């Protein structure tokens, strides 16, 4: 028999963190620390270089090069 009490405690702890930070986690617990959003296709190559450098430095980075308005890209952050 597997006892699930430890899992319940972890679930409650994660729930408390989500409620406390309202989904806007601090850097040490965020899935992505940095998000790079491109404004035009002209800067895509530069954004990719910055992305690679940040990854190599140990940051958790996400690159969004979609051809969408900036409001749509940044609106999904929170």
PDB file of N, CA and C in Angstrom:
ATOM      1  N   UNK A   1       0.842  -1.171   0.000  1.00  0.00           N
ATOM      2  CA  UNK A   1       0.000   0.000   0.000  1.00  0.00           C
ATOM      3  C   UNK A   1       0.896   1.246   0.000  1.00  0.00           C
ATOM      4  N   UNK A   2       0.580   2.178  -0.863  1.00  0.00           N
ATOM      5  CA  UNK A   2       1.324   3.434  -0.942  1.00  0.00           C
ATOM      6  C   UNK A   2       0.533   4.505  -0.204  1.00  0.00           C
ATOM      7  N   UNK A   3       1.203   5.177   0.688  1.00  0.00           N
ATOM      8  CA  UNK A   3       0.547   6.228   1.471  1.00  0.00           C
ATOM      9  C   UNK A   3       0.679   7.550   0.727  1.00  0.00           C
ATOM     10  N   UNK A   4      -0.421   8.255   0.531  1.00  0.00           N
ATOM     11  CA  UNK A   4      -0.425   9.480  -0.260  1.00  0.00           C
ATOM     12  C   UNK A   4      -0.342  10.752   0.580  1.00  0.00           C
ATOM     13  N   UNK A   5      -0.154  10.672   1.850  1.00  0.00           N
ATOM     14  CA  UNK A   5      -0.166  11.870   2.695  1.00  0.00           C
ATOM     15  C   UNK A   5       0.911  12.867   2.272  1.00  0.00           C
ATOM     16  N   UNK A   6       2.091  12.373   1.891  1.00  0.00           N
ATOM     17  CA  UNK A   6       3.165  13.284   1.491  1.00  0.00           C
ATOM     18  C   UNK A   6       2.788  14.045   0.234  1.00  0.00           C
ATOM     19  N   UNK A   7       2.096  13.394  -0.692  1.00  0.00           N
ATOM     20  CA  UNK A   7       1.689  14.076  -1.921  1.00  0.00           C
ATOM     21  C   UNK A   7       0.658  15.159  -1.628  1.00  0.00           C
ATOM     22  N   UNK A   8      -0.230  14.904  -0.715  1.00  0.00           N
ATOM     23  CA  UNK A   8      -1.218  15.907  -0.334  1.00  0.00           C
ATOM     24  C   UNK A   8      -0.562  17.138   0.256  1.00  0.00           C
ATOM     25  N   UNK A   9       0.472  16.932   1.052  1.00  0.00           N
ATOM     26  CA  UNK A   9       1.197  18.061   1.637  1.00  0.00           C
ATOM     27  C   UNK A   9       1.868  18.896   0.557  1.00  0.00           C
ATOM     28  N   UNK A  10       2.479  18.240  -0.419  1.00  0.00           N
ATOM     29  CA  UNK A  10       3.124  18.965  -1.513  1.00  0.00           C
ATOM     30  C   UNK A  10       2.104  19.729  -2.343  1.00  0.00           C
ATOM     31  N   UNK A  11       0.964  19.103  -2.599  1.00  0.00           N
ATOM     32  CA  UNK A  11      -0.086  19.778  -3.362  1.00  0.00           C
ATOM     33  C   UNK A  11      -0.583  21.014  -2.629  1.00  0.00           C
ATOM     34  N   UNK A  12      -0.763  20.917  -1.338  1.00  0.00           N
ATOM     35  CA  UNK A  12      -1.206  22.080  -0.558  1.00  0.00           C
ATOM     36  C   UNK A  12      -0.151  23.178  -0.579  1.00  0.00           C
ATOM     37  N   UNK A  13       1.115  22.801  -0.448  1.00  0.00           N
ATOM     38  CA  UNK A  13       2.199  23.781  -0.467  1.00  0.00           C
ATOM     39  C   UNK A  13       2.248  24.517  -1.805  1.00  0.00           C
ATOM     40  N   UNK A  14       2.141  23.796  -2.898  1.00  0.00           N
ATOM     41  CA  UNK A  14       2.147  24.426  -4.218  1.00  0.00           C
ATOM     42  C   UNK A  14       0.925  25.319  -4.384  1.00  0.00           C
ATOM     43  N   UNK A  15      -0.210  24.881  -3.890  1.00  0.00           N
ATOM     44  CA  UNK A  15      -1.415  25.712  -3.929  1.00  0.00           C
ATOM     45  C   UNK A  15      -1.245  27.006  -3.154  1.00  0.00           C
ATOM     46  N   UNK A  16      -0.609  26.922  -1.995  1.00  0.00           N
ATOM     47  CA  UNK A  16      -0.354  28.124  -1.185  1.00  0.00           C
ATOM     48  C   UNK A  16       0.581  29.076  -1.932  1.00  0.00           C
ATOM     49  N   UNK A  17       1.628  28.538  -2.588  1.00  0.00           N
ATOM     50  CA  UNK A  17       2.540  29.384  -3.363  1.00  0.00           C
ATOM     51  C   UNK A  17       1.817  30.089  -4.508  1.00  0.00           C
ATOM     52  N   UNK A  18       0.974  29.353  -5.210  1.00  0.00           N
ATOM     53  CA  UNK A  18       0.238  29.944  -6.331  1.00  0.00           C
ATOM     54  C   UNK A  18      -0.668  31.059  -5.847  1.00  0.00           C
ATOM     55  N   UNK A  19      -1.373  30.833  -4.753  1.00  0.00           N
ATOM     56  CA  UNK A  19      -2.261  31.864  -4.220  1.00  0.00           C
ATOM     57  C   UNK A  19      -1.472  33.065  -3.702  1.00  0.00           C
ATOM     58  N   UNK A  20      -0.384  32.805  -3.002  1.00  0.00           N
ATOM     59  CA  UNK A  20       0.401  33.891  -2.415  1.00  0.00           C
ATOM     60  C   UNK A  20       0.987  34.811  -3.488  1.00  0.00           C
ATOM     61  N   UNK A  21       1.576  34.220  -4.517  1.00  0.00           N
ATOM     62  CA  UNK A  21       2.222  35.012  -5.564  1.00  0.00           C
ATOM     63  C   UNK A  21       1.277  35.366  -6.707  1.00  0.00           C
ATOM     64  N   UNK A  22       0.045  34.921  -6.638  1.00  0.00           N
ATOM     65  CA  UNK A  22      -0.966  35.176  -7.671  1.00  0.00           C
ATOM     66  C   UNK A  22      -0.461  34.760  -9.052  1.00  0.00           C
ATOM     67  N   UNK A  23       0.293  33.683  -9.105  1.00  0.00           N
ATOM     68  CA  UNK A  23       0.822  33.179 -10.360  1.00  0.00           C
ATOM     69  C   UNK A  23       2.049  33.916 -10.869  1.00  0.00           C
ATOM     70  N   UNK A  24       2.462  34.989 -10.208  1.00  0.00           N
ATOM     71  CA  UNK A  24       3.631  35.781 -10.627  1.00  0.00           C
ATOM     72  C   UNK A  24       4.804  35.410  -9.722  1.00  0.00           C
ATOM     73  N   UNK A  25       5.387  34.257  -9.994  1.00  0.00           N
ATOM     74  CA  UNK A  25       6.411  33.702  -9.122  1.00  0.00           C
ATOM     75  C   UNK A  25       7.705  34.509  -9.153  1.00  0.00           C
ATOM     76  N   UNK A  26       8.467  34.483  -8.046  1.00  0.00           N
ATOM     77  CA  UNK A  26       9.790  35.114  -8.058  1.00  0.00           C
ATOM     78  C   UNK A  26      10.732  34.332  -8.979  1.00  0.00           C
ATOM     79  N   UNK A  27      11.854  34.943  -9.334  1.00  0.00           N
ATOM     80  CA  UNK A  27      12.767  34.322 -10.297  1.00  0.00           C
ATOM     81  C   UNK A  27      13.234  32.934  -9.893  1.00  0.00           C
ATOM     82  N   UNK A  28      13.447  32.703  -8.598  1.00  0.00           N
ATOM     83  CA  UNK A  28      14.007  31.419  -8.177  1.00  0.00           C
ATOM     84  C   UNK A  28      13.044  30.259  -8.383  1.00  0.00           C
ATOM     85  N   UNK A  29      11.756  30.528  -8.565  1.00  0.00           N
ATOM     86  CA  UNK A  29      10.794  29.441  -8.742  1.00  0.00           C
ATOM     87  C   UNK A  29      10.077  29.514 -10.088  1.00  0.00           C
ATOM     88  N   UNK A  30      10.306  30.570 -10.856  1.00  0.00           N
ATOM     89  CA  UNK A  30       9.643  30.739 -12.149  1.00  0.00           C
ATOM     90  C   UNK A  30      10.135  29.700 -13.144  1.00  0.00           C
ATOM     91  N   UNK A  31       9.219  29.165 -13.950  1.00  0.00           N
ATOM     92  CA  UNK A  31       9.660  28.215 -14.975  1.00  0.00           C
ATOM     93  C   UNK A  31      10.596  28.880 -15.989  1.00  0.00           C
ATOM     94  N   UNK A  32      10.317  30.126 -16.335  1.00  0.00           N
ATOM     95  CA  UNK A  32      11.176  30.902 -17.223  1.00  0.00           C
ATOM     96  C   UNK A  32      11.530  32.201 -16.526  1.00  0.00           C
ATOM     97  N   UNK A  33      12.819  32.477 -16.461  1.00  0.00           N
ATOM     98  CA  UNK A  33      13.269  33.703 -15.815  1.00  0.00           C
ATOM     99  C   UNK A  33      13.212  34.889 -16.766  1.00  0.00           C
ATOM    100  N   UNK A  34      13.449  34.626 -18.040  1.00  0.00           N
ATOM    101  CA  UNK A  34      13.512  35.694 -19.036  1.00  0.00           C
ATOM    102  C   UNK A  34      12.705  35.274 -20.255  1.00  0.00           C
ATOM    103  N   UNK A  35      11.969  36.222 -20.802  1.00  0.00           N
ATOM    104  CA  UNK A  35      11.240  35.978 -22.039  1.00  0.00           C
ATOM    105  C   UNK A  35      11.618  37.073 -23.026  1.00  0.00           C
ATOM    106  N   UNK A  36      12.076  36.669 -24.188  1.00  0.00           N
ATOM    107  CA  UNK A  36      12.469  37.608 -25.232  1.00  0.00           C
ATOM    108  C   UNK A  36      11.349  37.654 -26.261  1.00  0.00           C
ATOM    109  N   UNK A  37      10.816  38.849 -26.484  1.00  0.00           N
ATOM    110  CA  UNK A  37       9.745  39.058 -27.453  1.00  0.00           C
ATOM    111  C   UNK A  37      10.278  39.926 -28.583  1.00  0.00           C
ATOM    112  N   UNK A  38      10.178  39.449 -29.816  1.00  0.00           N
ATOM    113  CA  UNK A  38      10.626  40.257 -30.941  1.00  0.00           C
ATOM    114  C   UNK A  38       9.488  41.151 -31.419  1.00  0.00           C
ATOM    115  N   UNK A  39       9.864  42.337 -31.882  1.00  0.00           N
ATOM    116  CA  UNK A  39       8.876  43.303 -32.355  1.00  0.00           C
ATOM    117  C   UNK A  39       8.726  43.213 -33.867  1.00  0.00           C
ATOM    118  N   UNK A  40       9.835  43.024 -34.564  1.00  0.00           N
ATOM    119  CA  UNK A  40       9.812  42.859 -36.021  1.00  0.00           C
ATOM    120  C   UNK A  40      10.684  41.668 -36.390  1.00  0.00           C
ATOM    121  N   UNK A  41      10.537  41.212 -37.620  1.00  0.00           N
ATOM    122  CA  UNK A  41      11.343  40.086 -38.084  1.00  0.00           C
ATOM    123  C   UNK A  41      12.807  40.475 -38.268  1.00  0.00           C
ATOM    124  N   UNK A  42      13.075  41.767 -38.379  1.00  0.00           N
ATOM    125  CA  UNK A  42      14.452  42.245 -38.577  1.00  0.00           C
ATOM    126  C   UNK A  42      15.357  41.890 -37.399  1.00  0.00           C
ATOM    127  N   UNK A  43      14.797  41.789 -36.215  1.00  0.00           N
ATOM    128  CA  UNK A  43      15.613  41.559 -35.015  1.00  0.00           C
ATOM    129  C   UNK A  43      15.644  40.096 -34.582  1.00  0.00           C
ATOM    130  N   UNK A  44      15.063  39.217 -35.382  1.00  0.00           N
ATOM    131  CA  UNK A  44      14.978  37.805 -34.997  1.00  0.00           C
ATOM    132  C   UNK A  44      16.358  37.178 -34.814  1.00  0.00           C
ATOM    133  N   UNK A  45      17.271  37.439 -35.742  1.00  0.00           N
ATOM    134  CA  UNK A  45      18.622  36.859 -35.617  1.00  0.00           C
ATOM    135  C   UNK A  45      19.324  37.350 -34.358  1.00  0.00           C
ATOM    136  N   UNK A  46      19.205  38.641 -34.076  1.00  0.00           N
ATOM    137  CA  UNK A  46      19.817  39.199 -32.868  1.00  0.00           C
ATOM    138  C   UNK A  46      19.191  38.579 -31.618  1.00  0.00           C
ATOM    139  N   UNK A  47      17.862  38.439 -31.630  1.00  0.00           N
ATOM    140  CA  UNK A  47      17.164  37.851 -30.482  1.00  0.00           C
ATOM    141  C   UNK A  47      17.612  36.409 -30.255  1.00  0.00           C
ATOM    142  N   UNK A  48      17.838  35.673 -31.332  1.00  0.00           N
ATOM    143  CA  UNK A  48      18.310  34.293 -31.197  1.00  0.00           C
ATOM    144  C   UNK A  48      19.710  34.242 -30.588  1.00  0.00           C
ATOM    145  N   UNK A  49      20.565  35.194 -30.966  1.00  0.00           N
ATOM    146  CA  UNK A  49      21.913  35.250 -30.382  1.00  0.00           C
ATOM    147  C   UNK A  49      21.849  35.549 -28.887  1.00  0.00           C
ATOM    148  N   UNK A  50      21.009  36.514 -28.510  1.00  0.00           N
ATOM    149  CA  UNK A  50      20.838  36.848 -27.091  1.00  0.00           C
ATOM    150  C   UNK A  50      20.288  35.643 -26.340  1.00  0.00           C
ATOM    151  N   UNK A  51      19.321  34.961 -26.945  1.00  0.00           N
ATOM    152  CA  UNK A  51      18.723  33.759 -26.354  1.00  0.00           C
ATOM    153  C   UNK A  51      19.798  32.707 -26.064  1.00  0.00           C
ATOM    154  N   UNK A  52      20.651  32.429 -27.052  1.00  0.00           N
ATOM    155  CA  UNK A  52      21.705  31.422 -26.875  1.00  0.00           C
ATOM    156  C   UNK A  52      22.694  31.823 -25.780  1.00  0.00           C
ATOM    157  N   UNK A  53      23.063  33.095 -25.754  1.00  0.00           N
ATOM    158  CA  UNK A  53      24.007  33.562 -24.729  1.00  0.00           C
ATOM    159  C   UNK A  53      23.416  33.429 -23.328  1.00  0.00           C
ATOM    160  N   UNK A  54      22.141  33.769 -23.185  1.00  0.00           N
ATOM    161  CA  UNK A  54      21.498  33.650 -21.873  1.00  0.00           C
ATOM    162  C   UNK A  54      21.370  32.186 -21.453  1.00  0.00           C
ATOM    163  N   UNK A  55      21.036  31.310 -22.404  1.00  0.00           N
ATOM    164  CA  UNK A  55      20.968  29.875 -22.099  1.00  0.00           C
ATOM    165  C   UNK A  55      22.328  29.355 -21.644  1.00  0.00           C
ATOM    166  N   UNK A  56      23.367  29.755 -22.359  1.00  0.00           N
ATOM    167  CA  UNK A  56      24.722  29.319 -22.005  1.00  0.00           C
ATOM    168  C   UNK A  56      25.149  29.842 -20.637  1.00  0.00           C
ATOM    169  N   UNK A  57      24.553  30.957 -20.212  1.00  0.00           N
ATOM    170  CA  UNK A  57      24.875  31.535 -18.901  1.00  0.00           C
ATOM    171  C   UNK A  57      24.070  30.903 -17.771  1.00  0.00           C
ATOM    172  N   UNK A  58      23.160  29.988 -18.122  1.00  0.00           N
ATOM    173  CA  UNK A  58      22.423  29.263 -17.092  1.00  0.00           C
ATOM    174  C   UNK A  58      21.041  29.801 -16.767  1.00  0.00           C
ATOM    175  N   UNK A  59      20.552  30.747 -17.547  1.00  0.00           N
ATOM    176  CA  UNK A  59      19.208  31.273 -17.314  1.00  0.00           C
ATOM    177  C   UNK A  59      18.170  30.387 -17.991  1.00  0.00           C
ATOM    178  N   UNK A  60      16.959  30.408 -17.452  1.00  0.00           N
ATOM    179  CA  UNK A  60      15.832  29.732 -18.088  1.00  0.00           C
ATOM    180  C   UNK A  60      15.136  30.775 -18.963  1.00  0.00           C
ATOM    181  N   UNK A  61      15.273  30.605 -20.279  1.00  0.00           N
ATOM    182  CA  UNK A  61      14.859  31.631 -21.230  1.00  0.00           C
ATOM    183  C   UNK A  61      13.837  31.064 -22.205  1.00  0.00           C
ATOM    184  N   UNK A  62      12.931  31.935 -22.640  1.00  0.00           N
ATOM    185  CA  UNK A  62      11.972  31.585 -23.679  1.00  0.00           C
ATOM    186  C   UNK A  62      12.049  32.657 -24.759  1.00  0.00           C
ATOM    187  N   UNK A  63      12.024  32.241 -26.016  1.00  0.00           N
ATOM    188  CA  UNK A  63      12.094  33.161 -27.146  1.00  0.00           C
ATOM    189  C   UNK A  63      10.786  33.085 -27.914  1.00  0.00           C
ATOM    190  N   UNK A  64      10.151  34.227 -28.128  1.00  0.00           N
ATOM    191  CA  UNK A  64       8.885  34.294 -28.865  1.00  0.00           C
ATOM    192  C   UNK A  64       9.092  35.149 -30.105  1.00  0.00           C
ATOM    193  N   UNK A  65       9.207  34.502 -31.268  1.00  0.00           N
ATOM    194  CA  UNK A  65       9.416  35.220 -32.523  1.00  0.00           C
ATOM    195  C   UNK A  65       8.174  35.183 -33.406  1.00  0.00           C
ATOM    196  N   UNK A  66       7.036  34.868 -32.828  1.00  0.00           N
ATOM    197  CA  UNK A  66       5.802  34.814 -33.626  1.00  0.00           C
ATOM    198  C   UNK A  66       5.503  36.172 -34.252  1.00  0.00           C
ATOM    199  N   UNK A  67       4.856  36.142 -35.384  1.00  0.00           N
ATOM    200  CA  UNK A  67       4.474  37.368 -36.075  1.00  0.00           C
ATOM    201  C   UNK A  67       3.124  37.845 -35.530  1.00  0.00           C
ATOM    202  N   UNK A  68       3.133  38.252 -34.276  1.00  0.00           N
ATOM    203  CA  UNK A  68       1.932  38.740 -33.589  1.00  0.00           C
ATOM    204  C   UNK A  68       2.215  40.113 -33.014  1.00  0.00           C
ATOM    205  N   UNK A  69       1.154  40.822 -32.666  1.00  0.00           N
ATOM    206  CA  UNK A  69       1.326  42.111 -31.999  1.00  0.00           C
ATOM    207  C   UNK A  69       1.939  41.884 -30.624  1.00  0.00           C
ATOM    208  N   UNK A  70       2.701  42.863 -30.180  1.00  0.00           N
ATOM    209  CA  UNK A  70       3.380  42.762 -28.890  1.00  0.00           C
ATOM    210  C   UNK A  70       2.384  42.584 -27.751  1.00  0.00           C
ATOM    211  N   UNK A  71       1.224  43.211 -27.852  1.00  0.00           N
ATOM    212  CA  UNK A  71       0.205  43.080 -26.805  1.00  0.00           C
ATOM    213  C   UNK A  71      -0.242  41.629 -26.650  1.00  0.00           C
ATOM    214  N   UNK A  72      -0.352  40.921 -27.762  1.00  0.00           N
ATOM    215  CA  UNK A  72      -0.757  39.512 -27.701  1.00  0.00           C
ATOM    216  C   UNK A  72       0.341  38.646 -27.103  1.00  0.00           C
ATOM    217  N   UNK A  73       1.580  38.955 -27.432  1.00  0.00           N
ATOM    218  CA  UNK A  73       2.697  38.177 -26.893  1.00  0.00           C
ATOM    219  C   UNK A  73       2.851  38.403 -25.398  1.00  0.00           C
ATOM    220  N   UNK A  74       2.818  39.652 -24.973  1.00  0.00           N
ATOM    221  CA  UNK A  74       3.048  39.946 -23.559  1.00  0.00           C
ATOM    222  C   UNK A  74       1.827  39.640 -22.713  1.00  0.00           C
ATOM    223  N   UNK A  75       0.666  39.566 -23.308  1.00  0.00           N
ATOM    224  CA  UNK A  75      -0.554  39.298 -22.551  1.00  0.00           C
ATOM    225  C   UNK A  75      -0.610  37.913 -21.958  1.00  0.00           C
ATOM    226  N   UNK A  76       0.151  36.974 -22.524  1.00  0.00           N
ATOM    227  CA  UNK A  76       0.108  35.610 -22.005  1.00  0.00           C
ATOM    228  C   UNK A  76       1.147  35.366 -20.924  1.00  0.00           C
ATOM    229  N   UNK A  77       1.877  36.407 -20.523  1.00  0.00           N
ATOM    230  CA  UNK A  77       2.885  36.229 -19.477  1.00  0.00           C
ATOM    231  C   UNK A  77       2.252  35.880 -18.144  1.00  0.00           C
ATOM    232  N   UNK A  78       1.134  36.499 -17.822  1.00  0.00           N
ATOM    233  CA  UNK A  78       0.508  36.246 -16.534  1.00  0.00           C
ATOM    234  C   UNK A  78      -0.880  35.768 -16.753  1.00  0.00           C
TER     235      UNK A  78
END
